[in-house]
Structure formats: structure tokens, C-alpha cells
Amino acid sequence: MTFIEAAIEVLKDAGEPLSVEELTERVVDRDLLDKPGKNPLRSMKGRLTSELNKGAESRLAKVDEG
């Protein structure tokens, strides 16, 4: 599963906004990533930024800083 797919799944299950740190921790704990890499938090931040930069086409929304 990609970082974005994993993030969407975890956020749906949580039913509430999560910090990127909490989101990444839950994704890693559930072993959802095909390729987590050496620093999953850094990778998640990058993928989320890229997704959010899509504007109206983004599958995610930022609700607060962090």
C-alpha cells in the first residue's frame, strides 16, 4: 500500500484528524506500507505535502498545522 492509501485507511478508521506523527505511527504499527523506507515519518510528510498541493483534486484535507 502507498503512503497516501495507508493514510486514508488509518484516517477513516480513526474518524478524526491525526497529527502526521500519530498517523505515521499507526500506519507503521499496522504494517500497511509496501516500502516504508528508512524514515517513514519523513516520507509520510513528503507524500502528504505532495497530495495536499493538488488542491481541489487532493484526496486529503489539512485541518490544522501539524
PDB file of N, CA and C in Angstrom:
ATOM      1  N   MET A   1       0.848  -1.169   0.000  1.00  0.00           N
ATOM      2  CA  MET A   1       0.000   0.000   0.000  1.00  0.00           C
ATOM      3  C   MET A   1       0.899   1.240   0.000  1.00  0.00           C
ATOM      4  N   THR A   2       0.497   2.273  -0.697  1.00  0.00           N
ATOM      5  CA  THR A   2       1.267   3.511  -0.726  1.00  0.00           C
ATOM      6  C   THR A   2       1.044   4.305   0.563  1.00  0.00           C
ATOM      7  N   PHE A   3       1.857   5.333   0.765  1.00  0.00           N
ATOM      8  CA  PHE A   3       1.706   6.177   1.949  1.00  0.00           C
ATOM      9  C   PHE A   3       0.324   6.832   1.983  1.00  0.00           C
ATOM     10  N   ILE A   4      -0.130   7.332   0.867  1.00  0.00           N
ATOM     11  CA  ILE A   4      -1.425   8.016   0.820  1.00  0.00           C
ATOM     12  C   ILE A   4      -2.560   7.038   1.048  1.00  0.00           C
ATOM     13  N   GLU A   5      -2.514   5.892   0.408  1.00  0.00           N
ATOM     14  CA  GLU A   5      -3.555   4.878   0.630  1.00  0.00           C
ATOM     15  C   GLU A   5      -3.612   4.460   2.096  1.00  0.00           C
ATOM     16  N   ALA A   6      -2.443   4.252   2.696  1.00  0.00           N
ATOM     17  CA  ALA A   6      -2.378   3.867   4.105  1.00  0.00           C
ATOM     18  C   ALA A   6      -2.908   4.989   4.995  1.00  0.00           C
ATOM     19  N   ALA A   7      -2.548   6.218   4.682  1.00  0.00           N
ATOM     20  CA  ALA A   7      -3.022   7.363   5.465  1.00  0.00           C
ATOM     21  C   ALA A   7      -4.545   7.461   5.407  1.00  0.00           C
ATOM     22  N   ILE A   8      -5.108   7.299   4.231  1.00  0.00           N
ATOM     23  CA  ILE A   8      -6.560   7.377   4.078  1.00  0.00           C
ATOM     24  C   ILE A   8      -7.237   6.283   4.892  1.00  0.00           C
ATOM     25  N   GLU A   9      -6.716   5.067   4.846  1.00  0.00           N
ATOM     26  CA  GLU A   9      -7.296   3.967   5.609  1.00  0.00           C
ATOM     27  C   GLU A   9      -7.252   4.237   7.112  1.00  0.00           C
ATOM     28  N   VAL A  10      -6.114   4.688   7.603  1.00  0.00           N
ATOM     29  CA  VAL A  10      -5.972   4.960   9.031  1.00  0.00           C
ATOM     30  C   VAL A  10      -6.870   6.109   9.457  1.00  0.00           C
ATOM     31  N   LEU A  11      -6.944   7.155   8.654  1.00  0.00           N
ATOM     32  CA  LEU A  11      -7.794   8.300   8.991  1.00  0.00           C
ATOM     33  C   LEU A  11      -9.277   7.914   9.003  1.00  0.00           C
ATOM     34  N   LYS A  12      -9.692   7.081   8.064  1.00  0.00           N
ATOM     35  CA  LYS A  12     -11.083   6.612   8.057  1.00  0.00           C
ATOM     36  C   LYS A  12     -11.384   5.833   9.332  1.00  0.00           C
ATOM     37  N   ASP A  13     -10.474   4.946   9.707  1.00  0.00           N
ATOM     38  CA  ASP A  13     -10.664   4.151  10.918  1.00  0.00           C
ATOM     39  C   ASP A  13     -10.660   5.012  12.182  1.00  0.00           C
ATOM     40  N   ALA A  14      -9.818   6.041  12.199  1.00  0.00           N
ATOM     41  CA  ALA A  14      -9.719   6.917  13.375  1.00  0.00           C
ATOM     42  C   ALA A  14     -10.973   7.771  13.532  1.00  0.00           C
ATOM     43  N   GLY A  15     -11.541   8.190  12.424  1.00  0.00           N
ATOM     44  CA  GLY A  15     -12.734   9.020  12.477  1.00  0.00           C
ATOM     45  C   GLY A  15     -12.494  10.430  12.972  1.00  0.00           C
ATOM     46  N   GLU A  16     -11.232  10.822  13.013  1.00  0.00           N
ATOM     47  CA  GLU A  16     -10.869  12.165  13.466  1.00  0.00           C
ATOM     48  C   GLU A  16      -9.513  12.532  12.881  1.00  0.00           C
ATOM     49  N   PRO A  17      -9.199  13.819  12.849  1.00  0.00           N
ATOM     50  CA  PRO A  17      -7.874  14.221  12.356  1.00  0.00           C
ATOM     51  C   PRO A  17      -6.766  13.684  13.256  1.00  0.00           C
ATOM     52  N   LEU A  18      -5.622  13.407  12.661  1.00  0.00           N
ATOM     53  CA  LEU A  18      -4.445  12.951  13.398  1.00  0.00           C
ATOM     54  C   LEU A  18      -3.243  13.784  12.995  1.00  0.00           C
ATOM     55  N   SER A  19      -2.320  13.963  13.918  1.00  0.00           N
ATOM     56  CA  SER A  19      -1.062  14.616  13.560  1.00  0.00           C
ATOM     57  C   SER A  19      -0.302  13.692  12.621  1.00  0.00           C
ATOM     58  N   VAL A  20       0.610  14.239  11.875  1.00  0.00           N
ATOM     59  CA  VAL A  20       1.380  13.410  10.949  1.00  0.00           C
ATOM     60  C   VAL A  20       2.197  12.370  11.718  1.00  0.00           C
ATOM     61  N   GLU A  21       2.632  12.716  12.909  1.00  0.00           N
ATOM     62  CA  GLU A  21       3.386  11.757  13.721  1.00  0.00           C
ATOM     63  C   GLU A  21       2.501  10.585  14.149  1.00  0.00           C
ATOM     64  N   GLU A  22       1.312  10.889  14.645  1.00  0.00           N
ATOM     65  CA  GLU A  22       0.382   9.835  15.067  1.00  0.00           C
ATOM     66  C   GLU A  22      -0.076   9.008  13.864  1.00  0.00           C
ATOM     67  N   LEU A  23      -0.350   9.669  12.772  1.00  0.00           N
ATOM     68  CA  LEU A  23      -0.754   8.977  11.553  1.00  0.00           C
ATOM     69  C   LEU A  23       0.324   7.996  11.107  1.00  0.00           C
ATOM     70  N   THR A  24       1.555   8.453  11.054  1.00  0.00           N
ATOM     71  CA  THR A  24       2.666   7.596  10.633  1.00  0.00           C
ATOM     72  C   THR A  24       2.858   6.435  11.592  1.00  0.00           C
ATOM     73  N   GLU A  25       2.767   6.708  12.881  1.00  0.00           N
ATOM     74  CA  GLU A  25       2.926   5.648  13.877  1.00  0.00           C
ATOM     75  C   GLU A  25       1.880   4.547  13.683  1.00  0.00           C
ATOM     76  N   ARG A  26       0.650   4.949  13.461  1.00  0.00           N
ATOM     77  CA  ARG A  26      -0.420   3.960  13.267  1.00  0.00           C
ATOM     78  C   ARG A  26      -0.235   3.175  11.970  1.00  0.00           C
ATOM     79  N   VAL A  27       0.178   3.859  10.912  1.00  0.00           N
ATOM     80  CA  VAL A  27       0.425   3.189   9.634  1.00  0.00           C
ATOM     81  C   VAL A  27       1.529   2.139   9.786  1.00  0.00           C
ATOM     82  N   VAL A  28       2.607   2.510  10.449  1.00  0.00           N
ATOM     83  CA  VAL A  28       3.734   1.592  10.651  1.00  0.00           C
ATOM     84  C   VAL A  28       3.329   0.450  11.579  1.00  0.00           C
ATOM     85  N   ASP A  29       2.628   0.765  12.671  1.00  0.00           N
ATOM     86  CA  ASP A  29       2.191  -0.270  13.609  1.00  0.00           C
ATOM     87  C   ASP A  29       1.296  -1.310  12.935  1.00  0.00           C
ATOM     88  N   ARG A  30       0.499  -0.870  11.978  1.00  0.00           N
ATOM     89  CA  ARG A  30      -0.397  -1.786  11.273  1.00  0.00           C
ATOM     90  C   ARG A  30       0.270  -2.442  10.066  1.00  0.00           C
ATOM     91  N   ASP A  31       1.534  -2.104   9.833  1.00  0.00           N
ATOM     92  CA  ASP A  31       2.312  -2.698   8.738  1.00  0.00           C
ATOM     93  C   ASP A  31       1.595  -2.560   7.388  1.00  0.00           C
ATOM     94  N   LEU A  32       1.134  -1.342   7.104  1.00  0.00           N
ATOM     95  CA  LEU A  32       0.361  -1.095   5.891  1.00  0.00           C
ATOM     96  C   LEU A  32       1.200  -0.725   4.671  1.00  0.00           C
ATOM     97  N   LEU A  33       2.448  -0.351   4.879  1.00  0.00           N
ATOM     98  CA  LEU A  33       3.262   0.158   3.781  1.00  0.00           C
ATOM     99  C   LEU A  33       4.012  -0.953   3.048  1.00  0.00           C
ATOM    100  N   ASP A  34       3.968  -0.901   1.722  1.00  0.00           N
ATOM    101  CA  ASP A  34       4.748  -1.837   0.916  1.00  0.00           C
ATOM    102  C   ASP A  34       6.237  -1.574   1.098  1.00  0.00           C
ATOM    103  N   LYS A  35       6.608  -0.298   1.090  1.00  0.00           N
ATOM    104  CA  LYS A  35       8.012   0.104   1.213  1.00  0.00           C
ATOM    105  C   LYS A  35       8.108   1.280   2.186  1.00  0.00           C
ATOM    106  N   PRO A  36       8.244   1.011   3.483  1.00  0.00           N
ATOM    107  CA  PRO A  36       8.280   2.103   4.461  1.00  0.00           C
ATOM    108  C   PRO A  36       9.556   2.937   4.413  1.00  0.00           C
ATOM    109  N   GLY A  37      10.644   2.379   3.901  1.00  0.00           N
ATOM    110  CA  GLY A  37      11.899   3.111   3.822  1.00  0.00           C
ATOM    111  C   GLY A  37      12.563   3.252   5.180  1.00  0.00           C
ATOM    112  N   LYS A  38      13.655   4.007   5.203  1.00  0.00           N
ATOM    113  CA  LYS A  38      14.441   4.181   6.423  1.00  0.00           C
ATOM    114  C   LYS A  38      13.795   5.157   7.395  1.00  0.00           C
ATOM    115  N   ASN A  39      13.069   6.148   6.872  1.00  0.00           N
ATOM    116  CA  ASN A  39      12.460   7.170   7.719  1.00  0.00           C
ATOM    117  C   ASN A  39      11.003   7.379   7.285  1.00  0.00           C
ATOM    118  N   PRO A  40      10.094   6.536   7.765  1.00  0.00           N
ATOM    119  CA  PRO A  40       8.696   6.640   7.341  1.00  0.00           C
ATOM    120  C   PRO A  40       8.044   7.995   7.639  1.00  0.00           C
ATOM    121  N   LEU A  41       8.419   8.619   8.756  1.00  0.00           N
ATOM    122  CA  LEU A  41       7.829   9.923   9.086  1.00  0.00           C
ATOM    123  C   LEU A  41       8.195  10.958   8.034  1.00  0.00           C
ATOM    124  N   ARG A  42       9.443  11.001   7.665  1.00  0.00           N
ATOM    125  CA  ARG A  42       9.885  11.955   6.644  1.00  0.00           C
ATOM    126  C   ARG A  42       9.196  11.673   5.307  1.00  0.00           C
ATOM    127  N   SER A  43       9.100  10.404   4.963  1.00  0.00           N
ATOM    128  CA  SER A  43       8.430  10.029   3.711  1.00  0.00           C
ATOM    129  C   SER A  43       6.953  10.399   3.749  1.00  0.00           C
ATOM    130  N   MET A  44       6.294  10.146   4.883  1.00  0.00           N
ATOM    131  CA  MET A  44       4.874  10.474   5.006  1.00  0.00           C
ATOM    132  C   MET A  44       4.668  11.976   4.862  1.00  0.00           C
ATOM    133  N   LYS A  45       5.499  12.760   5.504  1.00  0.00           N
ATOM    134  CA  LYS A  45       5.378  14.218   5.392  1.00  0.00           C
ATOM    135  C   LYS A  45       5.493  14.663   3.937  1.00  0.00           C
ATOM    136  N   GLY A  46       6.442  14.105   3.221  1.00  0.00           N
ATOM    137  CA  GLY A  46       6.627  14.459   1.808  1.00  0.00           C
ATOM    138  C   GLY A  46       5.448  14.063   0.952  1.00  0.00           C
ATOM    139  N   ARG A  47       4.945  12.848   1.162  1.00  0.00           N
ATOM    140  CA  ARG A  47       3.804  12.375   0.369  1.00  0.00           C
ATOM    141  C   ARG A  47       2.544  13.185   0.677  1.00  0.00           C
ATOM    142  N   LEU A  48       2.336  13.497   1.955  1.00  0.00           N
ATOM    143  CA  LEU A  48       1.167  14.298   2.324  1.00  0.00           C
ATOM    144  C   LEU A  48       1.247  15.697   1.726  1.00  0.00           C
ATOM    145  N   THR A  49       2.423  16.290   1.762  1.00  0.00           N
ATOM    146  CA  THR A  49       2.611  17.618   1.166  1.00  0.00           C
ATOM    147  C   THR A  49       2.292  17.588  -0.319  1.00  0.00           C
ATOM    148  N   SER A  50       2.803  16.589  -1.015  1.00  0.00           N
ATOM    149  CA  SER A  50       2.531  16.457  -2.451  1.00  0.00           C
ATOM    150  C   SER A  50       1.044  16.287  -2.722  1.00  0.00           C
ATOM    151  N   GLU A  51       0.394  15.468  -1.914  1.00  0.00           N
ATOM    152  CA  GLU A  51      -1.046  15.238  -2.091  1.00  0.00           C
ATOM    153  C   GLU A  51      -1.826  16.511  -1.829  1.00  0.00           C
ATOM    154  N   LEU A  52      -1.504  17.226  -0.762  1.00  0.00           N
ATOM    155  CA  LEU A  52      -2.228  18.450  -0.427  1.00  0.00           C
ATOM    156  C   LEU A  52      -2.001  19.554  -1.458  1.00  0.00           C
ATOM    157  N   ASN A  53      -0.854  19.534  -2.119  1.00  0.00           N
ATOM    158  CA  ASN A  53      -0.563  20.535  -3.148  1.00  0.00           C
ATOM    159  C   ASN A  53      -1.417  20.354  -4.401  1.00  0.00           C
ATOM    160  N   LYS A  54      -2.152  19.275  -4.492  1.00  0.00           N
ATOM    161  CA  LYS A  54      -3.045  19.047  -5.626  1.00  0.00           C
ATOM    162  C   LYS A  54      -4.293  19.917  -5.548  1.00  0.00           C
ATOM    163  N   GLY A  55      -4.471  20.589  -4.424  1.00  0.00           N
ATOM    164  CA  GLY A  55      -5.612  21.490  -4.256  1.00  0.00           C
ATOM    165  C   GLY A  55      -6.928  20.735  -4.227  1.00  0.00           C
ATOM    166  N   ALA A  56      -7.858  21.146  -5.063  1.00  0.00           N
ATOM    167  CA  ALA A  56      -9.198  20.565  -5.084  1.00  0.00           C
ATOM    168  C   ALA A  56      -9.189  19.087  -5.469  1.00  0.00           C
ATOM    169  N   GLU A  57      -8.155  18.638  -6.137  1.00  0.00           N
ATOM    170  CA  GLU A  57      -8.069  17.236  -6.556  1.00  0.00           C
ATOM    171  C   GLU A  57      -7.482  16.334  -5.472  1.00  0.00           C
ATOM    172  N   SER A  58      -7.034  16.913  -4.370  1.00  0.00           N
ATOM    173  CA  SER A  58      -6.436  16.141  -3.285  1.00  0.00           C
ATOM    174  C   SER A  58      -7.479  15.253  -2.620  1.00  0.00           C
ATOM    175  N   ARG A  59      -7.062  14.055  -2.227  1.00  0.00           N
ATOM    176  CA  ARG A  59      -7.947  13.137  -1.508  1.00  0.00           C
ATOM    177  C   ARG A  59      -7.934  13.399  -0.008  1.00  0.00           C
ATOM    178  N   LEU A  60      -7.114  14.365   0.430  1.00  0.00           N
ATOM    179  CA  LEU A  60      -6.980  14.700   1.838  1.00  0.00           C
ATOM    180  C   LEU A  60      -7.152  16.192   2.036  1.00  0.00           C
ATOM    181  N   ALA A  61      -7.415  16.583   3.281  1.00  0.00           N
ATOM    182  CA  ALA A  61      -7.523  17.994   3.618  1.00  0.00           C
ATOM    183  C   ALA A  61      -6.751  18.259   4.893  1.00  0.00           C
ATOM    184  N   LYS A  62      -6.075  19.370   4.938  1.00  0.00           N
ATOM    185  CA  LYS A  62      -5.340  19.777   6.131  1.00  0.00           C
ATOM    186  C   LYS A  62      -6.287  20.579   7.003  1.00  0.00           C
ATOM    187  N   VAL A  63      -6.423  20.168   8.267  1.00  0.00           N
ATOM    188  CA  VAL A  63      -7.349  20.864   9.151  1.00  0.00           C
ATOM    189  C   VAL A  63      -6.663  21.778  10.137  1.00  0.00           C
ATOM    190  N   ASP A  64      -5.338  21.595  10.336  1.00  0.00           N
ATOM    191  CA  ASP A  64      -4.594  22.418  11.281  1.00  0.00           C
ATOM    192  C   ASP A  64      -3.112  22.206  11.008  1.00  0.00           C
ATOM    193  N   GLU A  65      -2.283  23.107  11.506  1.00  0.00           N
ATOM    194  CA  GLU A  65      -0.844  22.918  11.369  1.00  0.00           C
ATOM    195  C   GLU A  65      -0.427  21.645  12.087  1.00  0.00           C
ATOM    196  N   GLY A  66       0.464  20.881  11.437  1.00  0.00           N
ATOM    197  CA  GLY A  66       0.967  19.661  12.065  1.00  0.00           C
ATOM    198  C   GLY A  66       0.156  18.474  11.680  1.00  0.00           C
TER     199      GLY A  66
END
